[in-house]
C-alpha atoms as a PDB file:
ATOM      1  CA  MET A   1     -24.229  -5.119  12.495  1.00  0.00           C
ATOM      2  CA  ARG A   2     -22.631  -8.526  12.254  1.00  0.00           C
ATOM      3  CA  PHE A   3     -23.856 -10.857  15.001  1.00  0.00           C
ATOM      4  CA  ASN A   4     -21.714 -13.580  16.439  1.00  0.00           C
ATOM      5  CA  ARG A   5     -23.093 -16.980  17.130  1.00  0.00           C
ATOM      6  CA  GLN A   6     -24.665 -16.750  20.581  1.00  0.00           C
ATOM      7  CA  PRO A   7     -23.050 -18.955  23.226  1.00  0.00           C
ATOM      8  CA  SER A   8     -25.326 -21.583  24.780  1.00  0.00           C
ATOM      9  CA  TRP A   9     -25.193 -20.004  28.234  1.00  0.00           C
ATOM     10  CA  LEU A  10     -26.541 -16.712  26.827  1.00  0.00           C
ATOM     11  CA  ILE A  11     -29.392 -18.442  25.036  1.00  0.00           C
ATOM     12  CA  ASP A  12     -30.354 -20.277  28.234  1.00  0.00           C
ATOM     13  CA  ILE A  13     -30.396 -17.036  30.242  1.00  0.00           C
ATOM     14  CA  ILE A  14     -32.527 -15.220  27.666  1.00  0.00           C
ATOM     15  CA  ASP A  15     -34.994 -18.132  27.566  1.00  0.00           C
ATOM     16  CA  LYS A  16     -35.266 -18.102  31.335  1.00  0.00           C
ATOM     17  CA  LEU A  17     -35.756 -14.327  31.429  1.00  0.00           C
ATOM     18  CA  PHE A  18     -38.693 -14.498  29.027  1.00  0.00           C
ATOM     19  CA  ALA A  19     -40.127 -17.627  30.611  1.00  0.00           C
ATOM     20  CA  GLY A  20     -39.966 -15.956  34.007  1.00  0.00           C
ATOM     21  CA  HIS A  21     -42.313 -13.162  32.990  1.00  0.00           C
ATOM     22  CA  ALA A  22     -45.364 -15.402  33.384  1.00  0.00           C
ATOM     23  CA  ALA A  23     -44.224 -16.448  36.836  1.00  0.00           C
ATOM     24  CA  ILE A  24     -43.688 -12.807  37.867  1.00  0.00           C
ATOM     25  CA  ALA A  25     -47.185 -11.882  36.718  1.00  0.00           C
ATOM     26  CA  LYS A  26     -48.634 -14.718  38.766  1.00  0.00           C
ATOM     27  CA  LEU A  27     -46.704 -13.665  41.888  1.00  0.00           C
ATOM     28  CA  SER A  28     -47.847 -10.086  41.394  1.00  0.00           C
ATOM     29  CA  SER A  29     -51.501 -11.104  41.404  1.00  0.00           C
ATOM     30  CA  MET A  30     -51.045 -13.309  44.456  1.00  0.00           C
ATOM     31  CA  HIS A  31     -48.761 -11.182  46.639  1.00  0.00           C
ATOM     32  CA  GLY A  32     -48.923  -7.653  45.258  1.00  0.00           C
ATOM     33  CA  PHE A  33     -45.364  -7.539  43.857  1.00  0.00           C
ATOM     34  CA  CYS A  34     -44.533  -4.809  41.359  1.00  0.00           C
ATOM     35  CA  ALA A  35     -44.214  -7.069  38.316  1.00  0.00           C
ATOM     36  CA  GLU A  36     -43.682  -4.162  35.940  1.00  0.00           C
ATOM     37  CA  LYS A  37     -40.508  -2.964  37.703  1.00  0.00           C
ATOM     38  CA  ILE A  38     -39.050  -6.460  37.938  1.00  0.00           C
ATOM     39  CA  TRP A  39     -39.792  -7.076  34.270  1.00  0.00           C
ATOM     40  CA  ARG A  40     -38.071  -3.826  33.241  1.00  0.00           C
ATOM     41  CA  ILE A  41     -34.922  -4.916  35.123  1.00  0.00           C
ATOM     42  CA  GLN A  42     -35.020  -8.240  33.296  1.00  0.00           C
ATOM     43  CA  GLN A  43     -35.336  -6.442  29.969  1.00  0.00           C
ATOM     44  CA  TRP A  44     -32.267  -4.299  30.645  1.00  0.00           C
ATOM     45  CA  LEU A  45     -30.237  -7.352  31.668  1.00  0.00           C
ATOM     46  CA  CYS A  46     -31.272  -9.121  28.484  1.00  0.00           C
ATOM     47  CA  VAL A  47     -30.322  -6.139  26.302  1.00  0.00           C
ATOM     48  CA  CYS A  48     -26.911  -5.828  28.004  1.00  0.00           C
ATOM     49  CA  LEU A  49     -26.158  -9.504  27.438  1.00  0.00           C
ATOM     50  CA  ILE A  50     -27.103  -9.283  23.759  1.00  0.00           C
ATOM     51  CA  LEU A  51     -25.019  -6.145  23.182  1.00  0.00           C
ATOM     52  CA  THR A  52     -22.035  -7.771  24.864  1.00  0.00           C
ATOM     53  CA  SER A  53     -22.264 -10.770  22.560  1.00  0.00           C
ATOM     54  CA  CYS A  54     -22.587  -8.506  19.480  1.00  0.00           C
ATOM     55  CA  ALA A  55     -19.526  -6.371  20.234  1.00  0.00           C
ATOM     56  CA  GLY A  56     -17.746  -7.574  17.099  1.00  0.00           C
ATOM     57  CA  PRO A  57     -16.616 -10.611  15.132  1.00  0.00           C
ATOM     58  CA  GLU A  58     -15.007 -13.365  17.120  1.00  0.00           C
ATOM     59  CA  ILE A  59     -11.209 -13.216  17.049  1.00  0.00           C
ATOM     60  CA  ARG A  60      -9.482 -16.571  17.111  1.00  0.00           C
ATOM     61  CA  PRO A  61      -5.987 -16.292  18.560  1.00  0.00           C
ATOM     62  CA  ALA A  62      -3.310 -18.044  16.550  1.00  0.00           C
ATOM     63  CA  ALA A  63      -2.346 -21.328  18.145  1.00  0.00           C
ATOM     64  CA  ILE A  64       1.413 -21.461  18.631  1.00  0.00           C
ATOM     65  CA  THR A  65       3.273 -24.726  19.125  1.00  0.00           C
ATOM     66  CA  ALA A  66       6.880 -24.502  20.343  1.00  0.00           C
ATOM     67  CA  THR A  67       9.209 -27.410  19.600  1.00  0.00           C
ATOM     68  CA  ILE A  68      12.830 -27.963  20.617  1.00  0.00           C
ATOM     69  CA  ILE A  69      14.634 -29.811  17.829  1.00  0.00           C
ATOM     70  CA  PRO A  70      17.948 -31.627  18.446  1.00  0.00           C
ATOM     71  CA  PRO A  71      20.657 -31.817  15.763  1.00  0.00           C
ATOM     72  CA  ALA A  72      19.996 -34.329  12.979  1.00  0.00           C
ATOM     73  CA  PHE A  73      23.119 -34.541  10.839  1.00  0.00           C
ATOM     74  CA  GLU A  74      21.631 -37.146   8.521  1.00  0.00           C
ATOM     75  CA  GLN A  75      18.894 -34.699   7.466  1.00  0.00           C
ATOM     76  CA  GLN A  76      21.240 -32.033   6.153  1.00  0.00           C
ATOM     77  CA  GLU A  77      21.323 -33.252   2.551  1.00  0.00           C
ATOM     78  CA  SER A  78      17.595 -34.033   2.342  1.00  0.00           C
ATOM     79  CA  MET A  79      16.676 -30.561   3.667  1.00  0.00           C
ATOM     80  CA  ASP A  80      19.166 -28.674   1.505  1.00  0.00           C
ATOM     81  CA  ARG A  81      17.365 -28.256  -1.832  1.00  0.00           C
ATOM     82  CA  PHE A  82      17.770 -25.950  -4.813  1.00  0.00           C
ATOM     83  CA  PHE A  83      16.162 -22.528  -4.737  1.00  0.00           C
ATOM     84  CA  MET A  84      16.527 -19.061  -6.228  1.00  0.00           C
ATOM     85  CA  LEU A  85      15.195 -15.859  -4.747  1.00  0.00           C
ATOM     86  CA  VAL A  86      15.116 -12.182  -5.624  1.00  0.00           C
ATOM     87  CA  GLY A  87      14.380  -9.682  -2.907  1.00  0.00           C
ATOM     88  CA  ARG A  88      15.350  -6.692  -0.812  1.00  0.00           C
ATOM     89  CA  LEU A  89      17.689  -6.777   2.159  1.00  0.00           C
ATOM     90  CA  ALA A  90      18.297  -4.310   4.973  1.00  0.00           C
ATOM     91  CA  VAL A  91      21.062  -4.807   7.543  1.00  0.00           C
ATOM     92  CA  LYS A  92      21.827  -2.742  10.618  1.00  0.00           C
ATOM     93  CA  THR A  93      24.588  -3.094  13.204  1.00  0.00           C
ATOM     94  CA  ASP A  94      26.120  -0.629  15.641  1.00  0.00           C
ATOM     95  CA  GLN A  95      28.808   0.286  13.089  1.00  0.00           C
ATOM     96  CA  GLN A  96      27.396  -0.584   9.662  1.00  0.00           C
ATOM     97  CA  LYS A  97      24.243  -0.349   7.565  1.00  0.00           C
ATOM     98  CA  PHE A  98      23.297  -1.891   4.252  1.00  0.00           C
ATOM     99  CA  SER A  99      20.163  -1.481   2.192  1.00  0.00           C
ATOM    100  CA  GLY A 100      19.658  -2.815  -1.301  1.00  0.00           C
ATOM    101  CA  SER A 101      18.502  -5.785  -3.305  1.00  0.00           C
ATOM    102  CA  VAL A 102      19.697  -9.375  -3.368  1.00  0.00           C
ATOM    103  CA  ARG A 103      19.720 -12.200  -5.898  1.00  0.00           C
ATOM    104  CA  TRP A 104      20.546 -15.641  -4.539  1.00  0.00           C
ATOM    105  CA  ARG A 105      20.961 -18.969  -6.287  1.00  0.00           C
ATOM    106  CA  HIS A 106      21.421 -21.960  -3.977  1.00  0.00           C
ATOM    107  CA  THR A 107      22.152 -25.661  -4.472  1.00  0.00           C
ATOM    108  CA  ALA A 108      23.291 -28.267  -1.968  1.00  0.00           C
ATOM    109  CA  HIS A 109      26.938 -27.612  -2.849  1.00  0.00           C
ATOM    110  CA  GLU A 110      27.012 -24.007  -4.072  1.00  0.00           C
ATOM    111  CA  ASP A 111      25.729 -20.543  -3.264  1.00  0.00           C
ATOM    112  CA  GLU A 112      25.918 -17.520  -5.527  1.00  0.00           C
ATOM    113  CA  ILE A 113      24.707 -14.283  -3.944  1.00  0.00           C
ATOM    114  CA  TYR A 114      24.711 -10.827  -5.505  1.00  0.00           C
ATOM    115  CA  LEU A 115      24.183  -7.745  -3.351  1.00  0.00           C
ATOM    116  CA  PHE A 116      23.096  -4.577  -5.163  1.00  0.00           C
ATOM    117  CA  SER A 117      22.943  -0.952  -4.084  1.00  0.00           C
ATOM    118  CA  PRO A 118      19.584   0.900  -4.208  1.00  0.00           C
ATOM    119  CA  LEU A 119      20.679   2.183  -7.651  1.00  0.00           C
ATOM    120  CA  GLY A 120      21.268  -1.352  -8.947  1.00  0.00           C
ATOM    121  CA  GLN A 121      25.077  -1.399  -8.819  1.00  0.00           C
ATOM    122  CA  VAL A 122      26.782  -4.606  -7.694  1.00  0.00           C
ATOM    123  CA  VAL A 123      28.182  -4.141  -4.193  1.00  0.00           C
ATOM    124  CA  ALA A 124      29.461  -7.684  -3.706  1.00  0.00           C
ATOM    125  CA  GLU A 125      29.328 -11.169  -5.160  1.00  0.00           C
ATOM    126  CA  ILE A 126      29.558 -14.027  -2.674  1.00  0.00           C
ATOM    127  CA  TYR A 127      30.320 -17.490  -3.998  1.00  0.00           C
ATOM    128  CA  ARG A 128      30.481 -20.652  -1.875  1.00  0.00           C
ATOM    129  CA  ASP A 129      31.463 -24.176  -2.860  1.00  0.00           C
ATOM    130  CA  ARG A 130      33.120 -27.163  -1.187  1.00  0.00           C
ATOM    131  CA  THR A 131      36.520 -25.448  -1.149  1.00  0.00           C
ATOM    132  CA  GLY A 132      35.442 -22.305   0.690  1.00  0.00           C
ATOM    133  CA  VAL A 133      33.971 -18.864   0.081  1.00  0.00           C
ATOM    134  CA  ARG A 134      34.997 -16.090  -2.307  1.00  0.00           C
ATOM    135  CA  LEU A 135      33.806 -12.479  -2.080  1.00  0.00           C
ATOM    136  CA  THR A 136      34.314 -10.067  -4.964  1.00  0.00           C
ATOM    137  CA  THR A 137      33.684  -6.354  -4.493  1.00  0.00           C
ATOM    138  CA  SER A 138      33.039  -3.631  -7.064  1.00  0.00           C
ATOM    139  CA  GLU A 139      36.587  -2.199  -6.784  1.00  0.00           C
ATOM    140  CA  PRO A 140      37.249  -4.997  -7.928  1.00  0.00           C
ATOM    141  CA  ALA A 141      38.942  -6.917  -5.147  1.00  0.00           C
ATOM    142  CA  ILE A 142      38.756 -10.623  -4.335  1.00  0.00           C
ATOM    143  CA  TYR A 143      38.768 -12.042  -0.806  1.00  0.00           C
ATOM    144  CA  ARG A 144      38.680 -15.651   0.363  1.00  0.00           C
ATOM    145  CA  ALA A 145      37.892 -17.416   3.623  1.00  0.00           C
ATOM    146  CA  ALA A 146      36.633 -20.729   4.948  1.00  0.00           C
ATOM    147  CA  THR A 147      33.130 -19.452   5.766  1.00  0.00           C
ATOM    148  CA  ALA A 148      30.789 -16.738   4.548  1.00  0.00           C
ATOM    149  CA  GLU A 149      30.283 -15.563   8.122  1.00  0.00           C
ATOM    150  CA  GLN A 150      33.991 -14.887   8.568  1.00  0.00           C
ATOM    151  CA  LEU A 151      34.439 -13.323   5.131  1.00  0.00           C
ATOM    152  CA  THR A 152      31.457 -10.951   5.185  1.00  0.00           C
ATOM    153  CA  ALA A 153      32.317  -9.755   8.689  1.00  0.00           C
ATOM    154  CA  GLN A 154      35.866  -9.029   7.533  1.00  0.00           C
ATOM    155  CA  VAL A 155      35.030  -7.299   4.230  1.00  0.00           C
ATOM    156  CA  LEU A 156      31.509  -5.872   4.590  1.00  0.00           C
ATOM    157  CA  GLY A 157      31.579  -5.158   8.314  1.00  0.00           C
ATOM    158  CA  TRP A 158      28.515  -7.302   9.034  1.00  0.00           C
ATOM    159  CA  GLU A 159      28.086 -11.051   9.185  1.00  0.00           C
ATOM    160  CA  LEU A 160      25.924 -12.941   6.718  1.00  0.00           C
ATOM    161  CA  PRO A 161      24.939 -16.177   8.568  1.00  0.00           C
ATOM    162  CA  LEU A 162      24.918 -18.270   5.411  1.00  0.00           C
ATOM    163  CA  ALA A 163      25.134 -21.698   7.103  1.00  0.00           C
ATOM    164  CA  GLY A 164      21.776 -21.227   8.785  1.00  0.00           C
ATOM    165  CA  LEU A 165      20.315 -18.682   6.391  1.00  0.00           C
ATOM    166  CA  ARG A 166      19.962 -21.149   3.529  1.00  0.00           C
ATOM    167  CA  TYR A 167      17.474 -23.077   5.702  1.00  0.00           C
ATOM    168  CA  TRP A 168      15.886 -20.178   7.595  1.00  0.00           C
ATOM    169  CA  VAL A 169      14.744 -18.344   4.454  1.00  0.00           C
ATOM    170  CA  ARG A 170      12.520 -21.334   3.658  1.00  0.00           C
ATOM    171  CA  GLY A 171      11.043 -21.599   7.146  1.00  0.00           C
ATOM    172  CA  ARG A 172      13.301 -24.471   8.178  1.00  0.00           C
ATOM    173  CA  HIS A 173      15.832 -24.866  10.972  1.00  0.00           C
ATOM    174  CA  PHE A 174      19.545 -25.539  10.422  1.00  0.00           C
ATOM    175  CA  PRO A 175      19.781 -29.312  11.116  1.00  0.00           C
ATOM    176  CA  MET A 176      23.336 -29.251  12.503  1.00  0.00           C
ATOM    177  CA  THR A 177      22.575 -27.468  15.798  1.00  0.00           C
ATOM    178  CA  VAL A 178      19.790 -27.336  18.380  1.00  0.00           C
ATOM    179  CA  ALA A 179      16.833 -25.153  17.373  1.00  0.00           C
ATOM    180  CA  GLU A 180      13.575 -23.996  18.892  1.00  0.00           C
ATOM    181  CA  LYS A 181      10.737 -23.554  16.419  1.00  0.00           C
ATOM    182  CA  ASP A 182       7.253 -22.051  16.766  1.00  0.00           C
ATOM    183  CA  THR A 183       4.514 -23.072  14.328  1.00  0.00           C
ATOM    184  CA  ASP A 184       0.934 -21.865  13.886  1.00  0.00           C
ATOM    185  CA  ARG A 185      -2.318 -23.804  13.449  1.00  0.00           C
ATOM    186  CA  ASP A 186      -1.560 -24.153   9.705  1.00  0.00           C
ATOM    187  CA  HIS A 187       1.851 -25.700  10.505  1.00  0.00           C
ATOM    188  CA  ARG A 188       3.711 -22.693   9.130  1.00  0.00           C
ATOM    189  CA  THR A 189       6.845 -21.568  10.918  1.00  0.00           C
ATOM    190  CA  VAL A 190       6.235 -18.452  12.991  1.00  0.00           C
ATOM    191  CA  ALA A 191       9.664 -18.152  14.627  1.00  0.00           C
ATOM    192  CA  ILE A 192      12.992 -19.951  14.957  1.00  0.00           C
ATOM    193  CA  ARG A 193      15.580 -19.421  17.698  1.00  0.00           C
ATOM    194  CA  GLN A 194      18.952 -20.890  16.830  1.00  0.00           C
ATOM    195  CA  ASP A 195      22.667 -20.139  17.218  1.00  0.00           C
ATOM    196  CA  GLY A 196      22.003 -16.796  18.883  1.00  0.00           C
ATOM    197  CA  TRP A 197      19.572 -15.680  16.174  1.00  0.00           C
ATOM    198  CA  GLN A 198      15.840 -15.053  16.413  1.00  0.00           C
ATOM    199  CA  ILE A 199      14.024 -15.343  13.107  1.00  0.00           C
ATOM    200  CA  ALA A 200      10.470 -14.007  12.814  1.00  0.00           C
ATOM    201  CA  TYR A 201       8.263 -14.938   9.844  1.00  0.00           C
ATOM    202  CA  LEU A 202       5.964 -11.965   9.319  1.00  0.00           C
ATOM    203  CA  ASP A 203       4.282 -12.878   6.027  1.00  0.00           C
ATOM    204  CA  TYR A 204       3.928 -15.808   3.617  1.00  0.00           C
ATOM    205  CA  TYR A 205       2.997 -16.348   0.002  1.00  0.00           C
ATOM    206  CA  PRO A 206      -0.188 -18.429  -0.448  1.00  0.00           C
ATOM    207  CA  GLU A 207       0.148 -22.192  -0.688  1.00  0.00           C
ATOM    208  CA  GLN A 208       0.091 -23.812  -4.104  1.00  0.00           C
ATOM    209  CA  ALA A 209      -0.979 -27.316  -5.073  1.00  0.00           C
ATOM    210  CA  ALA A 210       2.475 -28.911  -5.126  1.00  0.00           C
ATOM    211  CA  GLN A 211       4.234 -26.608  -2.662  1.00  0.00           C
ATOM    212  CA  SER A 212       3.685 -25.391   0.867  1.00  0.00           C
ATOM    213  CA  ALA A 213       3.658 -21.676   1.644  1.00  0.00           C
ATOM    214  CA  LEU A 214       6.997 -19.882   1.281  1.00  0.00           C
ATOM    215  CA  PRO A 215       8.069 -16.897   3.405  1.00  0.00           C
ATOM    216  CA  ARG A 216       7.714 -13.403   1.972  1.00  0.00           C
ATOM    217  CA  LEU A 217       8.829 -11.188   4.874  1.00  0.00           C
ATOM    218  CA  LEU A 218      11.428 -12.268   7.449  1.00  0.00           C
ATOM    219  CA  GLU A 219      13.237 -10.519  10.271  1.00  0.00           C
ATOM    220  CA  PHE A 220      16.532 -11.787  11.707  1.00  0.00           C
ATOM    221  CA  THR A 221      17.701 -10.469  15.068  1.00  0.00           C
ATOM    222  CA  ARG A 222      20.856 -11.032  17.087  1.00  0.00           C
ATOM    223  CA  ALA A 223      22.209  -9.070  20.045  1.00  0.00           C
ATOM    224  CA  ASP A 224      24.408  -6.891  17.830  1.00  0.00           C
ATOM    225  CA  MET A 225      22.622  -7.049  14.488  1.00  0.00           C
ATOM    226  CA  LYS A 226      19.270  -6.910  12.711  1.00  0.00           C
ATOM    227  CA  MET A 227      18.346  -7.945   9.171  1.00  0.00           C
ATOM    228  CA  LYS A 228      15.093  -7.725   7.265  1.00  0.00           C
ATOM    229  CA  LEU A 229      14.449  -9.639   4.038  1.00  0.00           C
ATOM    230  CA  VAL A 230      11.535  -9.168   1.641  1.00  0.00           C
ATOM    231  CA  VAL A 231      11.379 -11.953  -0.952  1.00  0.00           C
ATOM    232  CA  ASP A 232       9.847 -10.624  -4.163  1.00  0.00           C
ATOM    233  CA  GLN A 233      10.273 -13.834  -6.151  1.00  0.00           C
ATOM    234  CA  TRP A 234      10.860 -17.483  -5.312  1.00  0.00           C
ATOM    235  CA  GLN A 235      11.912 -20.284  -7.611  1.00  0.00           C
ATOM    236  CA  ASN A 236      12.488 -23.884  -6.570  1.00  0.00           C
ATOM    237  CA  GLU A 237      12.090 -27.385  -7.956  1.00  0.00           C
ATOM    238  CA  HIS A 238       8.301 -27.124  -7.675  1.00  0.00           C
ATOM    239  CA  ALA A 239       7.287 -23.677  -8.825  1.00  0.00           C
ATOM    240  CA  THR A 240       8.022 -20.007  -9.281  1.00  0.00           C
ATOM    241  CA  ARG A 241       6.407 -17.499  -6.941  1.00  0.00           C
ATOM    242  CA  PRO A 242       6.128 -13.992  -8.403  1.00  0.00           C
ATOM    243  CA  ALA A 243       5.802 -10.867  -6.350  1.00  0.00           C
ATOM    244  CA  LYS A 244       2.382 -10.000  -4.983  1.00  0.00           C
END
């Protein structure tokens, strides 16, 4: 059995219980008390206290710090760094479902996203630059719009929140709007609530020397939509993170 470190109050009580035995014996000889019965009660109390303290290993609850973050337009460029990821994506709305893999290359000025079916066929290519967004399907057909949100909703039937997603996948908030962020005792993001979305960070890759921990499993929830992303491989300016 693995014993926990005994709290000071328990140690004090046990010491007093054993120290009191001599006093009970003295009272018994002077006044005729039944010292044996009193001592047996003390023994049972002592055993119960010890068993309670040995119930199992101590569980430390994760400390959560919630922070409301106002917009910071000047931070957009500094927070928007290069990355590439390969992973699996599942999307569910009331009308549509998607399940497959994703390959995403991001820079401050461009995004190139490939969505694949479970069999590895290209379902869509999404390309963003300063002029707008282009979506190419397997038919092939080419569609254009000002934003990825508008274009994916129109063509795929579900909205890819690219403006915020390029920050959220790295555990960061979108700096252009108000966000609420929860962090744990290791300063890792646990959750973000922003622009109607709730993002939960369910697992991380281990930290490396030159890079903080990167998310491995994320869940994105909105009133009418739910997405789950498993990142199998990360690459950024610091390092490459292979799958576990």
